[in-house]
Amino acid sequence: MKQQIISGVMQQMLPHLDNAQMQQLQKALENALFGCEITVQMEKKDTDDNPKLIDAFVSAKRIEGCSEKTLKYYRTTIETMVSSIDKGIRHIRTEDLRSYLTDYQLFSFFSWRYRISSA
């Protein structure tokens, strides 16, 4: 793990330092990290604040005048999406949403197709 960190720093500094300076940087990093234990920390899922964020959104929509039926739809849809993506809301990115929506649309299509063919 230490070597990965050193390599990452070295890679970032490559455009800014000459070869001799790179060697000095590597030695300095190795000395600074000597005796240190480095562990990989798993990304903490910030799902604890998901309910609070969803509540805040629904409350804002209530103030805007949305009906209770619409508010329930918003809540259910967002909770389903967050559960499917399996990330804290603050960590969801555009590509996560695109993937979810693509899967959701395909699921909807095949559910519809199944209902039609079963009839």
PDB file of N, CA and C in Angstrom:
ATOM      1  N   MET A   1       0.824  -1.193   0.000  1.00  0.00           N
ATOM      2  CA  MET A   1       0.000   0.000   0.000  1.00  0.00           C
ATOM      3  C   MET A   1       0.868   1.257   0.000  1.00  0.00           C
ATOM      4  N   LYS A   2       1.955   1.211   0.791  1.00  0.00           N
ATOM      5  CA  LYS A   2       2.843   2.373   0.827  1.00  0.00           C
ATOM      6  C   LYS A   2       3.392   2.666  -0.566  1.00  0.00           C
ATOM      7  N   GLN A   3       3.774   1.590  -1.261  1.00  0.00           N
ATOM      8  CA  GLN A   3       4.358   1.777  -2.585  1.00  0.00           C
ATOM      9  C   GLN A   3       3.346   2.380  -3.551  1.00  0.00           C
ATOM     10  N   GLN A   4       2.082   2.022  -3.402  1.00  0.00           N
ATOM     11  CA  GLN A   4       1.042   2.603  -4.264  1.00  0.00           C
ATOM     12  C   GLN A   4       0.907   4.106  -4.002  1.00  0.00           C
ATOM     13  N   ILE A   5       0.991   4.496  -2.753  1.00  0.00           N
ATOM     14  CA  ILE A   5       0.899   5.915  -2.412  1.00  0.00           C
ATOM     15  C   ILE A   5       2.099   6.663  -2.967  1.00  0.00           C
ATOM     16  N   ILE A   6       3.272   6.098  -2.755  1.00  0.00           N
ATOM     17  CA  ILE A   6       4.496   6.733  -3.269  1.00  0.00           C
ATOM     18  C   ILE A   6       4.425   6.863  -4.780  1.00  0.00           C
ATOM     19  N   SER A   7       4.006   5.801  -5.445  1.00  0.00           N
ATOM     20  CA  SER A   7       3.912   5.827  -6.910  1.00  0.00           C
ATOM     21  C   SER A   7       2.903   6.880  -7.368  1.00  0.00           C
ATOM     22  N   GLY A   8       1.788   6.990  -6.656  1.00  0.00           N
ATOM     23  CA  GLY A   8       0.778   7.981  -7.016  1.00  0.00           C
ATOM     24  C   GLY A   8       1.297   9.403  -6.888  1.00  0.00           C
ATOM     25  N   VAL A   9       2.011   9.681  -5.797  1.00  0.00           N
ATOM     26  CA  VAL A   9       2.586  11.013  -5.605  1.00  0.00           C
ATOM     27  C   VAL A   9       3.637  11.283  -6.673  1.00  0.00           C
ATOM     28  N   MET A  10       4.475  10.300  -6.923  1.00  0.00           N
ATOM     29  CA  MET A  10       5.535  10.445  -7.926  1.00  0.00           C
ATOM     30  C   MET A  10       4.931  10.739  -9.304  1.00  0.00           C
ATOM     31  N   GLN A  11       3.874  10.033  -9.628  1.00  0.00           N
ATOM     32  CA  GLN A  11       3.207  10.218 -10.921  1.00  0.00           C
ATOM     33  C   GLN A  11       2.669  11.642 -11.061  1.00  0.00           C
ATOM     34  N   GLN A  12       2.094  12.154  -9.975  1.00  0.00           N
ATOM     35  CA  GLN A  12       1.537  13.500 -10.013  1.00  0.00           C
ATOM     36  C   GLN A  12       2.621  14.576 -10.109  1.00  0.00           C
ATOM     37  N   MET A  13       3.793  14.284  -9.543  1.00  0.00           N
ATOM     38  CA  MET A  13       4.873  15.268  -9.528  1.00  0.00           C
ATOM     39  C   MET A  13       5.776  15.182 -10.753  1.00  0.00           C
ATOM     40  N   LEU A  14       5.629  14.139 -11.534  1.00  0.00           N
ATOM     41  CA  LEU A  14       6.478  13.910 -12.708  1.00  0.00           C
ATOM     42  C   LEU A  14       6.607  15.123 -13.619  1.00  0.00           C
ATOM     43  N   PRO A  15       5.529  15.839 -13.935  1.00  0.00           N
ATOM     44  CA  PRO A  15       5.674  16.993 -14.832  1.00  0.00           C
ATOM     45  C   PRO A  15       6.409  18.185 -14.196  1.00  0.00           C
ATOM     46  N   HIS A  16       6.588  18.167 -12.897  1.00  0.00           N
ATOM     47  CA  HIS A  16       7.124  19.326 -12.193  1.00  0.00           C
ATOM     48  C   HIS A  16       8.577  19.171 -11.735  1.00  0.00           C
ATOM     49  N   LEU A  17       9.087  17.938 -11.750  1.00  0.00           N
ATOM     50  CA  LEU A  17      10.426  17.689 -11.205  1.00  0.00           C
ATOM     51  C   LEU A  17      11.315  16.992 -12.227  1.00  0.00           C
ATOM     52  N   ASP A  18      12.625  17.255 -12.143  1.00  0.00           N
ATOM     53  CA  ASP A  18      13.562  16.523 -13.000  1.00  0.00           C
ATOM     54  C   ASP A  18      13.902  15.192 -12.330  1.00  0.00           C
ATOM     55  N   ASN A  19      14.734  14.371 -12.993  1.00  0.00           N
ATOM     56  CA  ASN A  19      15.038  13.022 -12.491  1.00  0.00           C
ATOM     57  C   ASN A  19      15.687  13.036 -11.107  1.00  0.00           C
ATOM     58  N   ALA A  20      16.620  13.927 -10.881  1.00  0.00           N
ATOM     59  CA  ALA A  20      17.298  13.988  -9.587  1.00  0.00           C
ATOM     60  C   ALA A  20      16.307  14.368  -8.491  1.00  0.00           C
ATOM     61  N   GLN A  21      15.433  15.318  -8.781  1.00  0.00           N
ATOM     62  CA  GLN A  21      14.432  15.727  -7.800  1.00  0.00           C
ATOM     63  C   GLN A  21      13.421  14.609  -7.533  1.00  0.00           C
ATOM     64  N   MET A  22      13.105  13.850  -8.563  1.00  0.00           N
ATOM     65  CA  MET A  22      12.186  12.720  -8.395  1.00  0.00           C
ATOM     66  C   MET A  22      12.797  11.673  -7.470  1.00  0.00           C
ATOM     67  N   GLN A  23      14.099  11.421  -7.638  1.00  0.00           N
ATOM     68  CA  GLN A  23      14.767  10.454  -6.771  1.00  0.00           C
ATOM     69  C   GLN A  23      14.760  10.937  -5.317  1.00  0.00           C
ATOM     70  N   GLN A  24      14.999  12.231  -5.119  1.00  0.00           N
ATOM     71  CA  GLN A  24      14.977  12.800  -3.766  1.00  0.00           C
ATOM     72  C   GLN A  24      13.574  12.706  -3.167  1.00  0.00           C
ATOM     73  N   LEU A  25      12.571  12.976  -3.975  1.00  0.00           N
ATOM     74  CA  LEU A  25      11.201  12.892  -3.504  1.00  0.00           C
ATOM     75  C   LEU A  25      10.864  11.465  -3.079  1.00  0.00           C
ATOM     76  N   GLN A  26      11.289  10.511  -3.884  1.00  0.00           N
ATOM     77  CA  GLN A  26      11.011   9.109  -3.553  1.00  0.00           C
ATOM     78  C   GLN A  26      11.665   8.731  -2.232  1.00  0.00           C
ATOM     79  N   LYS A  27      12.922   9.121  -2.040  1.00  0.00           N
ATOM     80  CA  LYS A  27      13.615   8.832  -0.780  1.00  0.00           C
ATOM     81  C   LYS A  27      12.895   9.499   0.394  1.00  0.00           C
ATOM     82  N   ALA A  28      12.491  10.755   0.207  1.00  0.00           N
ATOM     83  CA  ALA A  28      11.807  11.489   1.275  1.00  0.00           C
ATOM     84  C   ALA A  28      10.480  10.818   1.646  1.00  0.00           C
ATOM     85  N   LEU A  29       9.755  10.381   0.638  1.00  0.00           N
ATOM     86  CA  LEU A  29       8.483   9.706   0.905  1.00  0.00           C
ATOM     87  C   LEU A  29       8.699   8.373   1.614  1.00  0.00           C
ATOM     88  N   GLU A  30       9.680   7.621   1.155  1.00  0.00           N
ATOM     89  CA  GLU A  30       9.981   6.333   1.795  1.00  0.00           C
ATOM     90  C   GLU A  30      10.396   6.536   3.248  1.00  0.00           C
ATOM     91  N   ASN A  31      11.212   7.555   3.516  1.00  0.00           N
ATOM     92  CA  ASN A  31      11.631   7.843   4.891  1.00  0.00           C
ATOM     93  C   ASN A  31      10.448   8.296   5.749  1.00  0.00           C
ATOM     94  N   ALA A  32       9.604   9.149   5.189  1.00  0.00           N
ATOM     95  CA  ALA A  32       8.466   9.677   5.938  1.00  0.00           C
ATOM     96  C   ALA A  32       7.463   8.573   6.283  1.00  0.00           C
ATOM     97  N   LEU A  33       7.336   7.604   5.391  1.00  0.00           N
ATOM     98  CA  LEU A  33       6.356   6.541   5.617  1.00  0.00           C
ATOM     99  C   LEU A  33       6.944   5.312   6.304  1.00  0.00           C
ATOM    100  N   PHE A  34       8.267   5.327   6.549  1.00  0.00           N
ATOM    101  CA  PHE A  34       8.907   4.194   7.203  1.00  0.00           C
ATOM    102  C   PHE A  34       8.311   4.003   8.595  1.00  0.00           C
ATOM    103  N   GLY A  35       7.950   2.795   8.910  1.00  0.00           N
ATOM    104  CA  GLY A  35       7.383   2.510  10.218  1.00  0.00           C
ATOM    105  C   GLY A  35       5.901   2.827  10.338  1.00  0.00           C
ATOM    106  N   CYS A  36       5.331   3.405   9.314  1.00  0.00           N
ATOM    107  CA  CYS A  36       3.900   3.715   9.343  1.00  0.00           C
ATOM    108  C   CYS A  36       3.114   2.514   8.841  1.00  0.00           C
ATOM    109  N   GLU A  37       1.992   2.292   9.468  1.00  0.00           N
ATOM    110  CA  GLU A  37       1.098   1.251   8.992  1.00  0.00           C
ATOM    111  C   GLU A  37      -0.031   1.925   8.230  1.00  0.00           C
ATOM    112  N   ILE A  38      -0.209   1.535   6.998  1.00  0.00           N
ATOM    113  CA  ILE A  38      -1.240   2.130   6.157  1.00  0.00           C
ATOM    114  C   ILE A  38      -2.245   1.049   5.807  1.00  0.00           C
ATOM    115  N   THR A  39      -3.501   1.343   6.067  1.00  0.00           N
ATOM    116  CA  THR A  39      -4.559   0.395   5.746  1.00  0.00           C
ATOM    117  C   THR A  39      -5.560   1.057   4.813  1.00  0.00           C
ATOM    118  N   VAL A  40      -6.175   0.242   4.021  1.00  0.00           N
ATOM    119  CA  VAL A  40      -7.200   0.742   3.116  1.00  0.00           C
ATOM    120  C   VAL A  40      -8.482   0.875   3.912  1.00  0.00           C
ATOM    121  N   GLN A  41      -9.077   2.043   3.828  1.00  0.00           N
ATOM    122  CA  GLN A  41     -10.319   2.292   4.529  1.00  0.00           C
ATOM    123  C   GLN A  41     -11.448   2.203   3.527  1.00  0.00           C
ATOM    124  N   MET A  42     -12.380   1.336   3.809  1.00  0.00           N
ATOM    125  CA  MET A  42     -13.515   1.187   2.909  1.00  0.00           C
ATOM    126  C   MET A  42     -14.322   2.476   2.937  1.00  0.00           C
ATOM    127  N   GLU A  43     -14.858   2.851   1.764  1.00  0.00           N
ATOM    128  CA  GLU A  43     -15.673   4.069   1.685  1.00  0.00           C
ATOM    129  C   GLU A  43     -16.890   3.907   2.586  1.00  0.00           C
ATOM    130  N   LYS A  44     -17.026   4.827   3.494  1.00  0.00           N
ATOM    131  CA  LYS A  44     -18.175   4.799   4.392  1.00  0.00           C
ATOM    132  C   LYS A  44     -19.402   5.235   3.606  1.00  0.00           C
ATOM    133  N   LYS A  45     -20.376   4.400   3.629  1.00  0.00           N
ATOM    134  CA  LYS A  45     -21.608   4.741   2.927  1.00  0.00           C
ATOM    135  C   LYS A  45     -22.377   5.730   3.780  1.00  0.00           C
ATOM    136  N   ASP A  46     -22.621   6.885   3.227  1.00  0.00           N
ATOM    137  CA  ASP A  46     -23.345   7.919   3.951  1.00  0.00           C
ATOM    138  C   ASP A  46     -24.838   7.733   3.764  1.00  0.00           C
ATOM    139  N   THR A  47     -25.295   6.529   4.058  1.00  0.00           N
ATOM    140  CA  THR A  47     -26.719   6.265   3.911  1.00  0.00           C
ATOM    141  C   THR A  47     -27.489   6.739   5.128  1.00  0.00           C
ATOM    142  N   ASP A  48     -26.770   7.071   6.220  1.00  0.00           N
ATOM    143  CA  ASP A  48     -27.450   7.508   7.433  1.00  0.00           C
ATOM    144  C   ASP A  48     -28.256   8.776   7.213  1.00  0.00           C
ATOM    145  N   ASP A  49     -27.768   9.650   6.338  1.00  0.00           N
ATOM    146  CA  ASP A  49     -28.507  10.895   6.130  1.00  0.00           C
ATOM    147  C   ASP A  49     -29.468  10.828   4.944  1.00  0.00           C
ATOM    148  N   ASN A  50     -29.576   9.680   4.287  1.00  0.00           N
ATOM    149  CA  ASN A  50     -30.518   9.556   3.175  1.00  0.00           C
ATOM    150  C   ASN A  50     -31.949   9.879   3.597  1.00  0.00           C
ATOM    151  N   PRO A  51     -32.462   9.282   4.692  1.00  0.00           N
ATOM    152  CA  PRO A  51     -33.846   9.598   5.081  1.00  0.00           C
ATOM    153  C   PRO A  51     -34.050  11.084   5.364  1.00  0.00           C
ATOM    154  N   LYS A  52     -33.056  11.705   5.995  1.00  0.00           N
ATOM    155  CA  LYS A  52     -33.169  13.131   6.307  1.00  0.00           C
ATOM    156  C   LYS A  52     -33.221  13.962   5.020  1.00  0.00           C
ATOM    157  N   LEU A  53     -32.400  13.614   4.034  1.00  0.00           N
ATOM    158  CA  LEU A  53     -32.392  14.346   2.769  1.00  0.00           C
ATOM    159  C   LEU A  53     -33.699  14.146   2.000  1.00  0.00           C
ATOM    160  N   ILE A  54     -34.190  12.923   2.007  1.00  0.00           N
ATOM    161  CA  ILE A  54     -35.463  12.643   1.325  1.00  0.00           C
ATOM    162  C   ILE A  54     -36.597  13.396   2.005  1.00  0.00           C
ATOM    163  N   ASP A  55     -36.608  13.380   3.347  1.00  0.00           N
ATOM    164  CA  ASP A  55     -37.630  14.126   4.087  1.00  0.00           C
ATOM    165  C   ASP A  55     -37.591  15.609   3.742  1.00  0.00           C
ATOM    166  N   ALA A  56     -36.380  16.166   3.669  1.00  0.00           N
ATOM    167  CA  ALA A  56     -36.241  17.592   3.348  1.00  0.00           C
ATOM    168  C   ALA A  56     -36.780  17.888   1.954  1.00  0.00           C
ATOM    169  N   PHE A  57     -36.494  17.009   0.996  1.00  0.00           N
ATOM    170  CA  PHE A  57     -36.994  17.193  -0.368  1.00  0.00           C
ATOM    171  C   PHE A  57     -38.521  17.155  -0.389  1.00  0.00           C
ATOM    172  N   VAL A  58     -39.087  16.140   0.265  1.00  0.00           N
ATOM    173  CA  VAL A  58     -40.544  15.984   0.276  1.00  0.00           C
ATOM    174  C   VAL A  58     -41.188  17.180   0.979  1.00  0.00           C
ATOM    175  N   SER A  59     -40.579  17.654   2.048  1.00  0.00           N
ATOM    176  CA  SER A  59     -41.108  18.833   2.750  1.00  0.00           C
ATOM    177  C   SER A  59     -41.096  20.063   1.848  1.00  0.00           C
ATOM    178  N   ALA A  60     -40.015  20.223   1.098  1.00  0.00           N
ATOM    179  CA  ALA A  60     -39.937  21.360   0.166  1.00  0.00           C
ATOM    180  C   ALA A  60     -41.025  21.258  -0.896  1.00  0.00           C
ATOM    181  N   LYS A  61     -41.261  20.049  -1.387  1.00  0.00           N
ATOM    182  CA  LYS A  61     -42.310  19.858  -2.393  1.00  0.00           C
ATOM    183  C   LYS A  61     -43.700  20.094  -1.793  1.00  0.00           C
ATOM    184  N   ARG A  62     -43.877  19.737  -0.517  1.00  0.00           N
ATOM    185  CA  ARG A  62     -45.163  19.980   0.157  1.00  0.00           C
ATOM    186  C   ARG A  62     -45.423  21.486   0.236  1.00  0.00           C
ATOM    187  N   ILE A  63     -44.382  22.242   0.595  1.00  0.00           N
ATOM    188  CA  ILE A  63     -44.510  23.698   0.679  1.00  0.00           C
ATOM    189  C   ILE A  63     -44.839  24.291  -0.689  1.00  0.00           C
ATOM    190  N   GLU A  64     -44.296  23.675  -1.749  1.00  0.00           N
ATOM    191  CA  GLU A  64     -44.591  24.143  -3.110  1.00  0.00           C
ATOM    192  C   GLU A  64     -46.031  23.847  -3.521  1.00  0.00           C
ATOM    193  N   GLY A  65     -46.714  23.017  -2.741  1.00  0.00           N
ATOM    194  CA  GLY A  65     -48.123  22.755  -3.021  1.00  0.00           C
ATOM    195  C   GLY A  65     -48.412  21.421  -3.691  1.00  0.00           C
ATOM    196  N   CYS A  66     -47.470  20.514  -3.713  1.00  0.00           N
ATOM    197  CA  CYS A  66     -47.721  19.198  -4.314  1.00  0.00           C
ATOM    198  C   CYS A  66     -48.742  18.426  -3.481  1.00  0.00           C
ATOM    199  N   SER A  67     -49.517  17.607  -4.156  1.00  0.00           N
ATOM    200  CA  SER A  67     -50.529  16.799  -3.469  1.00  0.00           C
ATOM    201  C   SER A  67     -49.852  15.678  -2.676  1.00  0.00           C
ATOM    202  N   GLU A  68     -50.600  15.122  -1.715  1.00  0.00           N
ATOM    203  CA  GLU A  68     -50.056  14.020  -0.917  1.00  0.00           C
ATOM    204  C   GLU A  68     -49.751  12.808  -1.794  1.00  0.00           C
ATOM    205  N   LYS A  69     -50.558  12.593  -2.813  1.00  0.00           N
ATOM    206  CA  LYS A  69     -50.316  11.479  -3.731  1.00  0.00           C
ATOM    207  C   LYS A  69     -48.985  11.678  -4.469  1.00  0.00           C
ATOM    208  N   THR A  70     -48.734  12.894  -4.928  1.00  0.00           N
ATOM    209  CA  THR A  70     -47.477  13.214  -5.607  1.00  0.00           C
ATOM    210  C   THR A  70     -46.301  13.075  -4.659  1.00  0.00           C
ATOM    211  N   LEU A  71     -46.465  13.548  -3.422  1.00  0.00           N
ATOM    212  CA  LEU A  71     -45.391  13.448  -2.426  1.00  0.00           C
ATOM    213  C   LEU A  71     -45.049  11.988  -2.135  1.00  0.00           C
ATOM    214  N   LYS A  72     -46.083  11.159  -2.040  1.00  0.00           N
ATOM    215  CA  LYS A  72     -45.860   9.733  -1.804  1.00  0.00           C
ATOM    216  C   LYS A  72     -45.115   9.117  -2.993  1.00  0.00           C
ATOM    217  N   TYR A  73     -45.500   9.504  -4.196  1.00  0.00           N
ATOM    218  CA  TYR A  73     -44.831   9.012  -5.405  1.00  0.00           C
ATOM    219  C   TYR A  73     -43.350   9.415  -5.404  1.00  0.00           C
ATOM    220  N   TYR A  74     -43.077  10.691  -5.103  1.00  0.00           N
ATOM    221  CA  TYR A  74     -41.690  11.158  -5.034  1.00  0.00           C
ATOM    222  C   TYR A  74     -40.892  10.320  -4.038  1.00  0.00           C
ATOM    223  N   ARG A  75     -41.434  10.180  -2.822  1.00  0.00           N
ATOM    224  CA  ARG A  75     -40.721   9.457  -1.772  1.00  0.00           C
ATOM    225  C   ARG A  75     -40.424   8.013  -2.192  1.00  0.00           C
ATOM    226  N   THR A  76     -41.448   7.332  -2.680  1.00  0.00           N
ATOM    227  CA  THR A  76     -41.287   5.930  -3.076  1.00  0.00           C
ATOM    228  C   THR A  76     -40.282   5.782  -4.209  1.00  0.00           C
ATOM    229  N   THR A  77     -40.373   6.643  -5.201  1.00  0.00           N
ATOM    230  CA  THR A  77     -39.474   6.590  -6.351  1.00  0.00           C
ATOM    231  C   THR A  77     -38.025   6.847  -5.933  1.00  0.00           C
ATOM    232  N   ILE A  78     -37.814   7.853  -5.111  1.00  0.00           N
ATOM    233  CA  ILE A  78     -36.451   8.184  -4.670  1.00  0.00           C
ATOM    234  C   ILE A  78     -35.896   7.078  -3.786  1.00  0.00           C
ATOM    235  N   GLU A  79     -36.701   6.560  -2.858  1.00  0.00           N
ATOM    236  CA  GLU A  79     -36.225   5.486  -1.980  1.00  0.00           C
ATOM    237  C   GLU A  79     -35.867   4.234  -2.771  1.00  0.00           C
ATOM    238  N   THR A  80     -36.660   3.920  -3.778  1.00  0.00           N
ATOM    239  CA  THR A  80     -36.373   2.763  -4.634  1.00  0.00           C
ATOM    240  C   THR A  80     -35.067   2.962  -5.398  1.00  0.00           C
ATOM    241  N   MET A  81     -34.879   4.168  -5.931  1.00  0.00           N
ATOM    242  CA  MET A  81     -33.660   4.471  -6.676  1.00  0.00           C
ATOM    243  C   MET A  81     -32.432   4.380  -5.773  1.00  0.00           C
ATOM    244  N   VAL A  82     -32.506   4.999  -4.600  1.00  0.00           N
ATOM    245  CA  VAL A  82     -31.363   5.002  -3.682  1.00  0.00           C
ATOM    246  C   VAL A  82     -31.031   3.585  -3.246  1.00  0.00           C
ATOM    247  N   SER A  83     -32.048   2.804  -2.988  1.00  0.00           N
ATOM    248  CA  SER A  83     -31.831   1.415  -2.600  1.00  0.00           C
ATOM    249  C   SER A  83     -31.168   0.625  -3.726  1.00  0.00           C
ATOM    250  N   SER A  84     -31.594   0.860  -4.945  1.00  0.00           N
ATOM    251  CA  SER A  84     -31.045   0.152  -6.100  1.00  0.00           C
ATOM    252  C   SER A  84     -29.594   0.551  -6.369  1.00  0.00           C
ATOM    253  N   ILE A  85     -29.310   1.844  -6.288  1.00  0.00           N
ATOM    254  CA  ILE A  85     -27.946   2.328  -6.552  1.00  0.00           C
ATOM    255  C   ILE A  85     -27.010   1.934  -5.422  1.00  0.00           C
ATOM    256  N   ASP A  86     -27.542   1.843  -4.206  1.00  0.00           N
ATOM    257  CA  ASP A  86     -26.787   1.403  -3.032  1.00  0.00           C
ATOM    258  C   ASP A  86     -25.604   2.317  -2.708  1.00  0.00           C
ATOM    259  N   LYS A  87     -25.868   3.615  -2.749  1.00  0.00           N
ATOM    260  CA  LYS A  87     -24.892   4.624  -2.355  1.00  0.00           C
ATOM    261  C   LYS A  87     -25.622   5.683  -1.557  1.00  0.00           C
ATOM    262  N   GLY A  88     -24.867   6.397  -0.750  1.00  0.00           N
ATOM    263  CA  GLY A  88     -25.449   7.555  -0.095  1.00  0.00           C
ATOM    264  C   GLY A  88     -25.816   8.594  -1.140  1.00  0.00           C
ATOM    265  N   ILE A  89     -26.884   9.316  -0.908  1.00  0.00           N
ATOM    266  CA  ILE A  89     -27.354  10.308  -1.879  1.00  0.00           C
ATOM    267  C   ILE A  89     -26.242  11.279  -2.249  1.00  0.00           C
ATOM    268  N   ARG A  90     -25.439  11.667  -1.284  1.00  0.00           N
ATOM    269  CA  ARG A  90     -24.364  12.632  -1.546  1.00  0.00           C
ATOM    270  C   ARG A  90     -23.271  12.076  -2.462  1.00  0.00           C
ATOM    271  N   HIS A  91     -23.245  10.759  -2.646  1.00  0.00           N
ATOM    272  CA  HIS A  91     -22.212  10.131  -3.472  1.00  0.00           C
ATOM    273  C   HIS A  91     -22.728   9.657  -4.827  1.00  0.00           C
ATOM    274  N   ILE A  92     -24.002   9.847  -5.080  1.00  0.00           N
ATOM    275  CA  ILE A  92     -24.573   9.421  -6.365  1.00  0.00           C
ATOM    276  C   ILE A  92     -24.108  10.383  -7.451  1.00  0.00           C
ATOM    277  N   ARG A  93     -23.632   9.837  -8.538  1.00  0.00           N
ATOM    278  CA  ARG A  93     -23.124  10.626  -9.665  1.00  0.00           C
ATOM    279  C   ARG A  93     -24.034  10.430 -10.874  1.00  0.00           C
ATOM    280  N   THR A  94     -23.814  11.257 -11.867  1.00  0.00           N
ATOM    281  CA  THR A  94     -24.624  11.216 -13.090  1.00  0.00           C
ATOM    282  C   THR A  94     -24.626   9.824 -13.714  1.00  0.00           C
ATOM    283  N   GLU A  95     -23.461   9.184 -13.771  1.00  0.00           N
ATOM    284  CA  GLU A  95     -23.403   7.859 -14.401  1.00  0.00           C
ATOM    285  C   GLU A  95     -24.206   6.822 -13.613  1.00  0.00           C
ATOM    286  N   ASP A  96     -24.290   6.986 -12.278  1.00  0.00           N
ATOM    287  CA  ASP A  96     -25.132   6.095 -11.472  1.00  0.00           C
ATOM    288  C   ASP A  96     -26.595   6.251 -11.865  1.00  0.00           C
ATOM    289  N   LEU A  97     -27.016   7.501 -12.024  1.00  0.00           N
ATOM    290  CA  LEU A  97     -28.411   7.764 -12.402  1.00  0.00           C
ATOM    291  C   LEU A  97     -28.722   7.259 -13.803  1.00  0.00           C
ATOM    292  N   ARG A  98     -27.792   7.469 -14.721  1.00  0.00           N
ATOM    293  CA  ARG A  98     -28.005   6.981 -16.101  1.00  0.00           C
ATOM    294  C   ARG A  98     -28.169   5.463 -16.118  1.00  0.00           C
ATOM    295  N   SER A  99     -27.297   4.791 -15.396  1.00  0.00           N
ATOM    296  CA  SER A  99     -27.360   3.332 -15.341  1.00  0.00           C
ATOM    297  C   SER A  99     -28.675   2.871 -14.714  1.00  0.00           C
ATOM    298  N   TYR A 100     -29.050   3.506 -13.622  1.00  0.00           N
ATOM    299  CA  TYR A 100     -30.305   3.150 -12.957  1.00  0.00           C
ATOM    300  C   TYR A 100     -31.498   3.356 -13.894  1.00  0.00           C
ATOM    301  N   LEU A 101     -31.541   4.514 -14.541  1.00  0.00           N
ATOM    302  CA  LEU A 101     -32.674   4.808 -15.418  1.00  0.00           C
ATOM    303  C   LEU A 101     -32.731   3.860 -16.608  1.00  0.00           C
ATOM    304  N   THR A 102     -31.580   3.503 -17.143  1.00  0.00           N
ATOM    305  CA  THR A 102     -31.550   2.540 -18.243  1.00  0.00           C
ATOM    306  C   THR A 102     -32.101   1.203 -17.786  1.00  0.00           C
ATOM    307  N   ASP A 103     -31.629   0.725 -16.630  1.00  0.00           N
ATOM    308  CA  ASP A 103     -32.113  -0.550 -16.093  1.00  0.00           C
ATOM    309  C   ASP A 103     -33.608  -0.477 -15.797  1.00  0.00           C
ATOM    310  N   TYR A 104     -34.047   0.646 -15.223  1.00  0.00           N
ATOM    311  CA  TYR A 104     -35.452   0.828 -14.863  1.00  0.00           C
ATOM    312  C   TYR A 104     -36.342   0.809 -16.107  1.00  0.00           C
ATOM    313  N   GLN A 105     -35.891   1.509 -17.154  1.00  0.00           N
ATOM    314  CA  GLN A 105     -36.688   1.545 -18.380  1.00  0.00           C
ATOM    315  C   GLN A 105     -36.771   0.159 -19.013  1.00  0.00           C
ATOM    316  N   LEU A 106     -35.656  -0.573 -19.017  1.00  0.00           N
ATOM    317  CA  LEU A 106     -35.681  -1.931 -19.576  1.00  0.00           C
ATOM    318  C   LEU A 106     -36.591  -2.826 -18.750  1.00  0.00           C
ATOM    319  N   PHE A 107     -36.510  -2.686 -17.416  1.00  0.00           N
ATOM    320  CA  PHE A 107     -37.366  -3.473 -16.547  1.00  0.00           C
ATOM    321  C   PHE A 107     -38.836  -3.166 -16.826  1.00  0.00           C
ATOM    322  N   SER A 108     -39.147  -1.880 -16.954  1.00  0.00           N
ATOM    323  CA  SER A 108     -40.524  -1.473 -17.244  1.00  0.00           C
ATOM    324  C   SER A 108     -40.994  -2.057 -18.569  1.00  0.00           C
ATOM    325  N   PHE A 109     -40.131  -2.012 -19.575  1.00  0.00           N
ATOM    326  CA  PHE A 109     -40.499  -2.538 -20.886  1.00  0.00           C
ATOM    327  C   PHE A 109     -40.782  -4.030 -20.809  1.00  0.00           C
ATOM    328  N   PHE A 110     -39.882  -4.780 -20.165  1.00  0.00           N
ATOM    329  CA  PHE A 110     -40.065  -6.224 -20.130  1.00  0.00           C
ATOM    330  C   PHE A 110     -41.224  -6.627 -19.230  1.00  0.00           C
ATOM    331  N   SER A 111     -41.488  -5.837 -18.185  1.00  0.00           N
ATOM    332  CA  SER A 111     -42.679  -6.100 -17.359  1.00  0.00           C
ATOM    333  C   SER A 111     -43.936  -5.888 -18.190  1.00  0.00           C
ATOM    334  N   TRP A 112     -43.965  -4.817 -18.969  1.00  0.00           N
ATOM    335  CA  TRP A 112     -45.095  -4.514 -19.836  1.00  0.00           C
ATOM    336  C   TRP A 112     -45.257  -5.620 -20.878  1.00  0.00           C
ATOM    337  N   ARG A 113     -44.139  -6.009 -21.500  1.00  0.00           N
ATOM    338  CA  ARG A 113     -44.167  -7.029 -22.532  1.00  0.00           C
ATOM    339  C   ARG A 113     -44.688  -8.343 -21.966  1.00  0.00           C
ATOM    340  N   TYR A 114     -44.276  -8.668 -20.748  1.00  0.00           N
ATOM    341  CA  TYR A 114     -44.739  -9.912 -20.106  1.00  0.00           C
ATOM    342  C   TYR A 114     -46.242  -9.872 -19.868  1.00  0.00           C
ATOM    343  N   ARG A 115     -46.751  -8.715 -19.430  1.00  0.00           N
ATOM    344  CA  ARG A 115     -48.200  -8.583 -19.201  1.00  0.00           C
ATOM    345  C   ARG A 115     -48.970  -8.748 -20.498  1.00  0.00           C
ATOM    346  N   ILE A 116     -48.442  -8.190 -21.590  1.00  0.00           N
ATOM    347  CA  ILE A 116     -49.111  -8.279 -22.885  1.00  0.00           C
ATOM    348  C   ILE A 116     -49.126  -9.725 -23.373  1.00  0.00           C
ATOM    349  N   SER A 117     -47.980 -10.408 -23.260  1.00  0.00           N
ATOM    350  CA  SER A 117     -47.900 -11.775 -23.788  1.00  0.00           C
ATOM    351  C   SER A 117     -48.663 -12.772 -22.911  1.00  0.00           C
ATOM    352  N   SER A 118     -48.886 -12.417 -21.640  1.00  0.00           N
ATOM    353  CA  SER A 118     -49.621 -13.315 -20.737  1.00  0.00           C
ATOM    354  C   SER A 118     -51.130 -13.195 -20.916  1.00  0.00           C
ATOM    355  N   ALA A 119     -51.542 -12.102 -21.519  1.00  0.00           N
ATOM    356  CA  ALA A 119     -52.993 -11.856 -21.650  1.00  0.00           C
ATOM    357  C   ALA A 119     -53.629 -12.712 -22.723  1.00  0.00           C
TER     358      ALA A 119
END
